[in-house]
Every structure is written in C-alpha cells, then in structure tokens.
Amino acid sequence: MGAVKIKEGLYWVGAVDWNVRNFHGYTTHRGTTYNAYLLVDEKVVLFDTVKLHFFDQFMEHIREVLGDPRKIDYLVINHIEPDHGGAIARTVEAIQPEKIFCTRNGRLGMIGYFHREDWPFVEVKTGDSLKVGRRTIQFVETPMVHWPDSMVSYIPEEKVLISQDAFGEHYATSTRFDDDVDFCELFQEVAKYYANIVLPFSPQVQKVLQTVKDLKLEIEMICPDHGVIWRRHVKEILEAYDRWSRYEAEPRVLVIYDTMWHSTEKMAWALYEGAVSEGVEAEFFRLSVTDTTELMTEVMRAKGLAFGSSTLNNGLLPTVAGFTTYMKGLRPRNKLGLAFGSYGWSGEAVKHLNKVFEETKTEIVHEGFRVKYAPTEEDLARCRELGRLLAQKVKEACGV
C-alpha cells in the first residue's frame, strides 16, 4: 500500500509488517504497523520514523507525497524505541532536517543510540508549541508511556493527536482507519496491547488523561505509532484507557494452572465448577498450552484469579513460575486471588503463589489449599467450595 491521506495536508507514510509474530516476547498473530505521519504546511513536518528494515518503503511513501524527501523541514520524534526510531539515522541523512524536536530524554536517547550530538536537536516540554504555517503543533510530555522520552503531538487546527505508542495495537491491515476493520477484533487487539505493554504505566496514563482534560484538547482523530487510526471510536478508546488505567475489572474468574500428574488439574476443574455454580463467568487455562500474551489480556480484564501449581523441587512448575514472573512485571492491581496445588513431599507451591499475590497487591481471599498426592472426593468438594468463595467475593467487589 502507498501513502494514505488522513486529512488535507496530513498523510500516513509508515509501513505494514504482516510477518512479525514475536515482538520481544509479545505474540503478534496479526502482525503490526510502524506508523509515521507527514504534515505538509508552510513547513513540512515528519512525525516519527519506522523500523529500520522498512526504511526504503517509508521513503517511497514520502516520495509519493513530496517527490523529494529533502522538502521535509522538521522531524518530530515522539518516541525513540527502535520499532519507531530504528530508521532515525538514515532518515536524518536522507532529509537533512532543519530541526529535530524531541523531549530532553528523547535527545539523550538518540545520542545514546546514534552517537550524533551534532544533530539539530530542539528540546520541547509540555506547553511548548510550534507554528508551521496555518497549523500549530502542541507538545505534551508523556514520560513512561511508554519510555522516559515519550511525548505526544497535538494539532489543534485539525483536532488530531499523534500519540506515539499510546492507543496503538499490533494489527496489520490493508486499511488505515478504525471504521474500516471489525470493531470486536480491533478492541481485542488494543486490549491485548494495553495489557502487555501499557499496563505497568497506568498511573502515568491517568496523569496524561488528566493533562488532556486540563488543556481542553478537542480530539477528533488519534494517530498512534502502531495499528489503525482512530476517527470513529475516539470516545470508546479514551474511555477504555481510562477504565484500564484505573484497574477496573469484569466480574469474571480465571482458573490458571499447570499440573504434573493431573492432581492439580482435578483441583482446578473443581474450582472452576464452583465458580461457575455462582453464576459468574469463569475461564480455564492450562499454562503449558496457553499463549502468555493472550492470557495476560484476560488477567487484566478479570477480577478473580485462582492460580494452581504442583510443587516441583520445592517451587512452582516452570510454566507457572514463568507466567507469574511475566505478570508481576506488568503490575496488575485490584485483583482477588486464591492459590491451590498438589504435592508429594513438601508442598511449597501454594506459599510461592501467595507471595506472587502479595507482590501484585492482590487481595488473598483464602490462605490456599494443598492436597498431598491425589485429591479425594472430599478434597474436590473443598475446591468447589473455594471456587464458590472466590466467585462470591468477585461479585461483591464488582457490585453484581
């Protein structure tokens, strides 16, 4: 696909990556895009670049609009991560910009990556603006959404927010707008992106949303660095970010486990049955056959988490240890948790899972339940009871 006109004088000039399936551990089943935008006014401004591998395609898109890429006057770098900034050095060489606008951390990051202190950097901060002709660019710093250097650019005359990683999703499509794709599929991808990329920075997201309110920014279009451009569902995506960044969750229970000789699996199933019997939605995930990225999306959405593991060498099964380590790094909050598991000798798995709950500030609804060797009918009845307990707590917390 070629360059795409977004509004009069504003173009998408990025690249679509149909083949990427792993993004530093994030499984991207639907590929991704590396978005860059070109504003043509009295001054010509390029916002961000692309992954280095796509530089030639990116330049071809710019040529479609301008003919000669050297007509670009200013380069705005909202975020330096290599999926957007990998092509910065080649872009600077190709366009010879008069100025490069970025945050202080953006300048330091580019020097760190490219070792070019001689580039024409101009540091900006929240409240700074740049007149480029009929239009203005306002800068808003968004540190740690998603890197220290991050900022967004707002064009008030067009009511367009160029939002770098915020509001993006890993989603390759042949069209560029949210109303050109299936809404349910799109929202699954944007929720997955939030759960696996943005969730640790939720307090900062809340600050940014408040800044947008304080500055009274009217937004008709959001142009992120990944995925489609929001023009029809702007209200929905802003509301979703507000909801996710306040850690609001749905009245659902997830039973997440792995098992050595199926005893923990029997306990998991009984817990699931107990939760379902309380009338809440429940889901059942064995970690050895579950995609971590997809599961993290469900963890973000659900209020209740039942984690189970057999005890292996005084610890957790590797699949459970791996997922809980990944989850802790993403810092979900405001959950209700319950641990369970079988063992043969010492049975430390439940203790380790309760520690995971403590580290993620999850409210533990019960001290946990351990079974030696294989569960009896009485043990399974106890698991059903605990499933019901967790579901009841979830309903109470969610006001159901």
Protein backbone atom coordinates (compact mmCIF):
# COMPACT_ATOMS: atom_id res chain seq x y z
CA MET A 1 0.00 0.00 0.00
CA GLY A 2 1.12 3.56 -0.59
CA ALA A 3 0.89 6.80 1.37
CA VAL A 4 -2.61 7.48 2.73
CA LYS A 5 -4.20 10.92 3.02
CA ILE A 6 -5.65 11.27 6.53
CA LYS A 7 -6.78 14.88 6.27
CA GLU A 8 -5.95 17.67 3.87
CA GLY A 9 -2.18 18.07 4.16
CA LEU A 10 -1.74 15.18 6.61
CA TYR A 11 -0.56 11.75 5.41
CA TRP A 12 0.27 8.31 6.77
CA VAL A 13 3.70 7.34 5.40
CA GLY A 14 4.57 4.34 7.61
CA ALA A 15 4.92 0.63 6.89
CA VAL A 16 2.87 -2.53 7.45
CA ASP A 17 4.66 -5.59 8.84
CA TRP A 18 2.50 -8.61 8.01
CA ASN A 19 5.06 -11.19 9.08
CA VAL A 20 6.18 -10.28 12.60
CA ARG A 21 4.96 -12.88 15.10
CA ASN A 22 7.05 -12.06 18.15
CA PHE A 23 7.65 -8.57 19.47
CA HIS A 24 10.18 -9.02 22.31
CA GLY A 25 8.01 -11.78 23.79
CA TYR A 26 4.64 -10.36 22.76
CA THR A 27 2.97 -12.70 20.26
CA THR A 28 1.70 -10.68 17.31
CA HIS A 29 -0.58 -13.11 15.49
CA ARG A 30 -1.97 -10.30 13.34
CA GLY A 31 1.34 -8.59 12.55
CA THR A 32 1.79 -4.87 13.18
CA THR A 33 2.38 -1.49 11.57
CA TYR A 34 5.05 1.14 12.12
CA ASN A 35 3.22 4.41 11.62
CA ALA A 36 4.79 7.71 10.65
CA TYR A 37 2.95 10.87 9.62
CA LEU A 38 3.72 13.76 7.30
CA LEU A 39 2.22 17.23 7.75
CA VAL A 40 2.50 19.50 4.70
CA ASP A 41 2.12 23.18 5.54
CA GLU A 42 4.42 26.18 5.04
CA LYS A 43 6.85 23.96 6.88
CA VAL A 44 6.82 20.23 6.18
CA VAL A 45 6.94 18.09 9.31
CA LEU A 46 7.63 14.36 9.65
CA PHE A 47 6.42 12.67 12.84
CA ASP A 48 8.50 9.61 13.83
CA THR A 49 10.09 7.06 11.52
CA VAL A 50 9.82 3.26 11.13
CA LYS A 51 11.67 0.07 11.97
CA LEU A 52 14.97 0.17 10.10
CA HIS A 53 14.09 -2.84 7.92
CA PHE A 54 11.24 -0.80 6.39
CA PHE A 55 13.22 2.36 5.62
CA ASP A 56 13.03 2.03 1.81
CA GLN A 57 9.24 1.52 1.87
CA PHE A 58 8.92 4.51 4.23
CA MET A 59 10.94 6.76 1.92
CA GLU A 60 8.90 5.63 -1.07
CA HIS A 61 5.72 6.71 0.73
CA ILE A 62 7.24 10.11 1.48
CA ARG A 63 8.27 10.49 -2.19
CA GLU A 64 4.67 9.77 -3.25
CA VAL A 65 3.60 12.88 -1.31
CA LEU A 66 6.56 15.23 -1.68
CA GLY A 67 8.61 13.98 -4.60
CA ASP A 68 11.84 14.86 -2.81
CA PRO A 69 12.15 13.85 0.90
CA ARG A 70 14.52 16.79 1.40
CA LYS A 71 11.47 19.06 1.32
CA ILE A 72 10.89 17.98 4.94
CA ASP A 73 11.87 20.84 7.25
CA TYR A 74 11.27 19.41 10.70
CA LEU A 75 11.48 15.95 12.24
CA VAL A 76 9.42 15.35 15.40
CA ILE A 77 10.43 12.31 17.43
CA ASN A 78 7.69 11.37 19.85
CA HIS A 79 9.34 8.10 20.87
CA ILE A 80 12.81 6.66 20.19
CA GLU A 81 12.17 2.91 20.64
CA PRO A 82 13.75 1.14 17.64
CA ASP A 83 10.42 -0.02 16.18
CA HIS A 84 9.73 3.68 15.52
CA GLY A 85 13.20 5.15 15.78
CA GLY A 86 15.36 2.48 14.18
CA ALA A 87 15.40 4.46 10.93
CA ILE A 88 16.14 7.85 12.52
CA ALA A 89 19.81 7.98 11.48
CA ARG A 90 19.10 7.06 7.86
CA THR A 91 16.15 9.47 7.82
CA VAL A 92 18.24 12.37 9.12
CA GLU A 93 20.85 11.59 6.49
CA ALA A 94 18.19 11.46 3.76
CA ILE A 95 16.16 14.55 4.62
CA GLN A 96 18.73 16.78 6.36
CA PRO A 97 16.09 18.35 8.67
CA GLU A 98 16.46 21.94 9.78
CA LYS A 99 15.40 20.94 13.32
CA ILE A 100 14.62 17.78 15.29
CA PHE A 101 12.02 18.31 18.01
CA CYS A 102 12.00 15.91 20.96
CA THR A 103 11.99 15.79 24.76
CA ARG A 104 15.20 16.06 26.74
CA ASN A 105 15.17 12.30 27.27
CA GLY A 106 14.50 11.88 23.57
CA ARG A 107 17.64 13.85 22.74
CA LEU A 108 19.71 11.85 25.23
CA GLY A 109 18.26 8.61 23.89
CA MET A 110 19.07 9.47 20.28
CA ILE A 111 22.62 10.41 21.25
CA GLY A 112 22.84 7.10 23.10
CA TYR A 113 21.62 5.12 20.08
CA PHE A 114 23.24 7.04 17.24
CA HIS A 115 26.10 8.98 18.90
CA ARG A 116 25.34 12.15 16.96
CA GLU A 117 25.43 15.13 19.30
CA ASP A 118 25.75 17.40 16.26
CA TRP A 119 22.17 16.85 15.08
CA PRO A 120 19.94 20.00 15.25
CA PHE A 121 18.01 18.99 18.36
CA VAL A 122 15.37 21.27 19.87
CA GLU A 123 14.14 20.12 23.27
CA VAL A 124 10.44 20.66 23.98
CA LYS A 125 8.22 20.14 27.00
CA THR A 126 4.53 20.19 27.85
CA GLY A 127 3.07 23.57 26.90
CA ASP A 128 5.55 24.29 24.10
CA SER A 129 4.14 24.80 20.63
CA LEU A 130 5.43 25.25 17.11
CA LYS A 131 3.76 27.26 14.33
CA VAL A 132 4.33 25.61 10.96
CA GLY A 133 2.08 27.78 8.81
CA ARG A 134 -1.69 27.54 9.04
CA ARG A 135 -1.29 24.88 11.69
CA THR A 136 0.31 24.60 15.12
CA ILE A 137 1.90 21.64 16.85
CA GLN A 138 1.48 21.44 20.62
CA PHE A 139 3.74 19.09 22.57
CA VAL A 140 2.69 17.11 25.65
CA GLU A 141 5.28 15.05 27.52
CA THR A 142 4.11 11.54 28.43
CA PRO A 143 7.11 10.06 30.31
CA MET A 144 6.93 6.27 30.76
CA VAL A 145 4.06 5.95 28.33
CA HIS A 146 5.88 4.01 27.22
CA TRP A 147 9.57 5.09 27.60
CA PRO A 148 11.16 8.01 29.51
CA ASP A 149 11.44 10.01 26.27
CA SER A 150 7.80 9.68 25.23
CA MET A 151 5.62 12.60 24.20
CA VAL A 152 2.58 13.21 22.00
CA SER A 153 1.95 15.94 19.42
CA TYR A 154 -1.39 17.70 19.05
CA ILE A 155 -2.53 19.73 16.02
CA PRO A 156 -5.39 21.92 17.30
CA GLU A 157 -6.49 23.22 13.89
CA GLU A 158 -7.17 19.62 12.82
CA LYS A 159 -8.08 18.26 16.29
CA VAL A 160 -5.58 15.48 15.66
CA LEU A 161 -3.49 13.77 18.34
CA ILE A 162 -0.33 11.97 17.16
CA SER A 163 0.01 9.69 20.14
CA GLN A 164 3.15 7.50 19.66
CA ASP A 165 2.65 4.15 21.48
CA ALA A 166 -0.50 5.20 23.36
CA PHE A 167 -3.79 3.93 21.89
CA GLY A 168 -1.96 1.61 19.50
CA GLU A 169 -2.31 -2.06 18.76
CA HIS A 170 -0.28 -4.67 16.92
CA TYR A 171 -2.58 -5.15 13.97
CA ALA A 172 -1.60 -5.35 10.29
CA THR A 173 -4.37 -4.31 7.93
CA SER A 174 -4.68 -3.11 4.35
CA THR A 175 -6.75 -0.17 5.58
CA ARG A 176 -5.74 2.59 7.93
CA PHE A 177 -8.84 3.56 9.94
CA ASP A 178 -10.75 2.07 12.86
CA ASP A 179 -14.06 2.11 10.98
CA ASP A 180 -12.57 0.02 8.15
CA VAL A 181 -11.97 -3.03 10.39
CA ASP A 182 -14.01 -5.33 12.61
CA PHE A 183 -14.61 -3.45 15.86
CA CYS A 184 -14.54 -6.54 18.13
CA GLU A 185 -11.30 -7.78 16.58
CA LEU A 186 -9.79 -4.30 16.90
CA PHE A 187 -10.74 -3.95 20.56
CA GLN A 188 -9.34 -7.39 21.37
CA GLU A 189 -6.02 -6.26 19.88
CA VAL A 190 -5.99 -2.88 21.62
CA ALA A 191 -6.82 -4.53 24.97
CA LYS A 192 -4.01 -7.02 24.41
CA TYR A 193 -1.64 -4.16 23.64
CA TYR A 194 -2.64 -2.32 26.82
CA ALA A 195 -2.35 -5.45 29.00
CA ASN A 196 1.08 -6.41 27.67
CA ILE A 197 2.69 -3.00 27.01
CA VAL A 198 0.96 -0.12 28.78
CA LEU A 199 -0.44 -1.70 31.97
CA PRO A 200 2.68 -1.08 34.13
CA PHE A 201 2.37 2.62 33.33
CA SER A 202 -1.28 3.01 34.28
CA PRO A 203 -0.65 5.75 36.89
CA GLN A 204 1.15 7.75 34.20
CA VAL A 205 -1.74 7.13 31.78
CA GLN A 206 -4.10 8.62 34.33
CA LYS A 207 -1.87 11.72 34.55
CA VAL A 208 -1.82 12.07 30.77
CA LEU A 209 -5.60 11.76 30.54
CA GLN A 210 -5.89 14.45 33.20
CA THR A 211 -3.45 16.66 31.26
CA VAL A 212 -5.60 16.25 28.13
CA LYS A 213 -8.61 17.38 30.17
CA ASP A 214 -6.72 20.29 31.75
CA LEU A 215 -5.50 21.53 28.37
CA LYS A 216 -9.02 21.10 26.98
CA LEU A 217 -7.72 19.28 23.91
CA GLU A 218 -10.53 18.52 21.48
CA ILE A 219 -9.70 15.24 19.78
CA GLU A 220 -11.39 14.07 16.60
CA MET A 221 -8.64 11.74 15.47
CA ILE A 222 -5.90 9.76 17.23
CA CYS A 223 -2.92 8.67 15.16
CA PRO A 224 -0.85 6.09 17.09
CA ASP A 225 2.51 4.58 16.16
CA HIS A 226 1.00 1.08 15.74
CA GLY A 227 -2.21 -0.15 14.17
CA VAL A 228 -5.15 1.81 12.80
CA ILE A 229 -6.06 5.49 13.15
CA TRP A 230 -8.97 6.25 15.46
CA ARG A 231 -11.59 8.51 13.90
CA ARG A 232 -14.95 6.85 14.64
CA HIS A 233 -14.31 5.27 18.05
CA VAL A 234 -12.24 8.01 19.71
CA LYS A 235 -14.64 8.22 22.64
CA GLU A 236 -14.56 4.45 23.15
CA ILE A 237 -10.76 4.18 23.15
CA LEU A 238 -10.37 7.13 25.54
CA GLU A 239 -12.93 5.57 27.89
CA ALA A 240 -11.22 2.18 27.66
CA TYR A 241 -7.83 3.68 28.54
CA ASP A 242 -9.40 5.46 31.50
CA ARG A 243 -11.04 2.20 32.66
CA TRP A 244 -7.95 0.03 32.21
CA SER A 245 -5.61 2.57 33.82
CA ARG A 246 -7.90 2.68 36.88
CA TYR A 247 -7.64 -1.16 37.03
CA GLU A 248 -11.37 -1.67 36.64
CA ALA A 249 -12.13 -5.35 36.08
CA GLU A 250 -15.05 -7.50 34.99
CA PRO A 251 -16.85 -9.97 37.30
CA ARG A 252 -15.00 -13.00 35.97
CA VAL A 253 -12.88 -15.76 37.49
CA LEU A 254 -9.83 -17.21 35.74
CA VAL A 255 -8.54 -20.62 36.82
CA ILE A 256 -4.88 -20.64 35.74
CA TYR A 257 -2.75 -23.67 36.48
CA ASP A 258 -0.32 -26.32 35.37
CA THR A 259 -0.07 -29.86 36.57
CA MET A 260 2.44 -32.71 36.84
CA TRP A 261 0.29 -35.86 37.23
CA HIS A 262 -3.18 -34.25 36.87
CA SER A 263 -3.94 -33.91 40.58
CA THR A 264 -3.68 -30.10 40.42
CA GLU A 265 -5.73 -30.23 37.22
CA LYS A 266 -8.54 -32.08 39.05
CA MET A 267 -8.46 -29.39 41.74
CA ALA A 268 -8.53 -26.68 39.06
CA TRP A 269 -11.56 -28.19 37.41
CA ALA A 270 -13.44 -28.44 40.71
CA LEU A 271 -12.61 -24.78 41.47
CA TYR A 272 -13.88 -23.81 38.03
CA GLU A 273 -17.12 -25.75 38.62
CA GLY A 274 -17.59 -24.00 41.95
CA ALA A 275 -17.09 -20.55 40.43
CA VAL A 276 -19.49 -21.25 37.56
CA SER A 277 -22.13 -22.51 40.01
CA GLU A 278 -22.19 -18.99 41.49
CA GLY A 279 -23.29 -17.60 38.13
CA VAL A 280 -20.10 -15.70 37.27
CA GLU A 281 -18.25 -16.09 34.01
CA ALA A 282 -15.22 -18.34 34.51
CA GLU A 283 -12.42 -19.49 32.23
CA PHE A 284 -9.95 -22.34 32.47
CA PHE A 285 -6.30 -22.09 31.33
CA ARG A 286 -3.56 -24.70 31.47
CA LEU A 287 -0.34 -22.73 31.14
CA SER A 288 1.59 -25.34 29.15
CA VAL A 289 -0.86 -24.93 26.25
CA THR A 290 -1.81 -21.25 26.64
CA ASP A 291 -0.39 -18.21 24.85
CA THR A 292 1.07 -15.92 27.51
CA THR A 293 0.23 -12.69 25.68
CA GLU A 294 -3.41 -13.64 25.19
CA LEU A 295 -3.73 -14.83 28.79
CA MET A 296 -2.35 -11.56 30.15
CA THR A 297 -5.20 -9.77 28.38
CA GLU A 298 -7.70 -11.93 30.23
CA VAL A 299 -5.88 -11.33 33.53
CA MET A 300 -6.20 -7.57 33.03
CA ARG A 301 -9.93 -7.89 32.42
CA ALA A 302 -10.85 -10.37 35.19
CA LYS A 303 -11.37 -9.59 38.87
CA GLY A 304 -10.74 -13.08 40.30
CA LEU A 305 -7.62 -15.18 39.81
CA ALA A 306 -7.22 -18.77 41.01
CA PHE A 307 -3.63 -19.91 40.49
CA GLY A 308 -2.61 -23.55 40.82
CA SER A 309 0.66 -25.42 40.58
CA SER A 310 2.08 -28.75 41.54
CA THR A 311 5.17 -28.42 43.73
CA LEU A 312 8.38 -29.18 41.85
CA ASN A 313 11.75 -29.14 43.68
CA ASN A 314 10.25 -27.01 46.48
CA GLY A 315 8.98 -24.47 43.97
CA LEU A 316 6.50 -23.86 41.18
CA LEU A 317 6.26 -25.69 37.88
CA PRO A 318 8.36 -23.78 35.31
CA THR A 319 5.33 -22.75 33.25
CA VAL A 320 3.64 -21.26 36.32
CA ALA A 321 6.84 -19.57 37.51
CA GLY A 322 7.36 -18.13 34.02
CA PHE A 323 3.89 -16.71 33.70
CA THR A 324 3.76 -15.27 37.21
CA THR A 325 7.13 -13.58 36.63
CA TYR A 326 5.82 -12.07 33.38
CA MET A 327 2.59 -11.00 35.09
CA LYS A 328 4.37 -9.37 38.05
CA GLY A 329 6.36 -7.19 35.66
CA LEU A 330 3.12 -5.87 34.15
CA ARG A 331 1.80 -4.93 37.61
CA PRO A 332 -1.91 -5.79 37.52
CA ARG A 333 -3.74 -4.36 40.53
CA ASN A 334 -7.06 -4.63 42.38
CA LYS A 335 -7.46 -8.38 41.95
CA LEU A 336 -8.78 -11.12 44.22
CA GLY A 337 -6.62 -14.23 44.43
CA LEU A 338 -6.69 -17.82 45.61
CA ALA A 339 -3.86 -20.39 45.41
CA PHE A 340 -4.05 -24.16 45.20
CA GLY A 341 -1.95 -27.15 44.25
CA SER A 342 -0.94 -30.74 44.84
CA TYR A 343 2.36 -32.06 46.14
CA GLY A 344 4.20 -35.25 47.05
CA TRP A 345 6.66 -34.20 49.77
CA SER A 346 6.93 -30.62 50.96
CA GLY A 347 4.23 -28.66 49.06
CA GLU A 348 5.62 -25.11 48.81
CA ALA A 349 3.75 -24.13 45.61
CA VAL A 350 0.81 -22.51 47.42
CA LYS A 351 3.19 -20.46 49.57
CA HIS A 352 5.01 -19.21 46.45
CA LEU A 353 1.73 -18.32 44.72
CA ASN A 354 0.54 -16.38 47.76
CA LYS A 355 3.81 -14.46 47.61
CA VAL A 356 3.03 -13.59 43.97
CA PHE A 357 -0.36 -12.28 45.10
CA GLU A 358 1.29 -10.17 47.80
CA GLU A 359 3.78 -8.72 45.32
CA THR A 360 0.99 -7.74 42.94
CA LYS A 361 -1.11 -6.29 45.78
CA THR A 362 -3.79 -8.91 45.09
CA GLU A 363 -6.26 -9.47 47.94
CA ILE A 364 -5.96 -13.09 49.07
CA VAL A 365 -9.45 -14.43 49.79
CA HIS A 366 -8.24 -17.67 51.42
CA GLU A 367 -4.91 -18.97 52.69
CA GLY A 368 -4.92 -21.52 49.88
CA PHE A 369 -5.49 -25.24 49.61
CA ARG A 370 -2.92 -28.02 49.29
CA VAL A 371 -3.53 -31.70 48.57
CA LYS A 372 -0.95 -34.46 49.04
CA TYR A 373 -0.69 -36.80 46.05
CA ALA A 374 -4.21 -37.09 44.58
CA PRO A 375 -7.37 -35.28 45.73
CA THR A 376 -10.15 -37.27 47.37
CA GLU A 377 -13.83 -36.58 46.74
CA GLU A 378 -13.78 -34.53 49.96
CA ASP A 379 -10.82 -32.53 48.65
CA LEU A 380 -12.61 -31.82 45.37
CA ALA A 381 -15.72 -30.76 47.26
CA ARG A 382 -13.49 -28.36 49.20
CA CYS A 383 -12.14 -26.99 45.90
CA ARG A 384 -15.69 -26.41 44.64
CA GLU A 385 -16.41 -24.57 47.86
CA LEU A 386 -13.33 -22.38 47.35
CA GLY A 387 -14.38 -21.69 43.76
CA ARG A 388 -17.72 -20.52 45.04
CA LEU A 389 -15.99 -18.38 47.68
CA LEU A 390 -13.81 -16.64 45.09
CA ALA A 391 -16.82 -16.07 42.82
CA GLN A 392 -18.85 -14.62 45.70
CA LYS A 393 -16.01 -12.22 46.58
CA VAL A 394 -15.77 -11.20 42.92
CA LYS A 395 -19.49 -10.47 42.77
CA GLU A 396 -19.30 -8.42 45.98
CA ALA A 397 -16.32 -6.42 44.74
CA CYS A 398 -17.91 -5.77 41.34
CA GLY A 399 -21.31 -4.94 42.78
CA VAL A 400 -23.04 -7.76 40.90
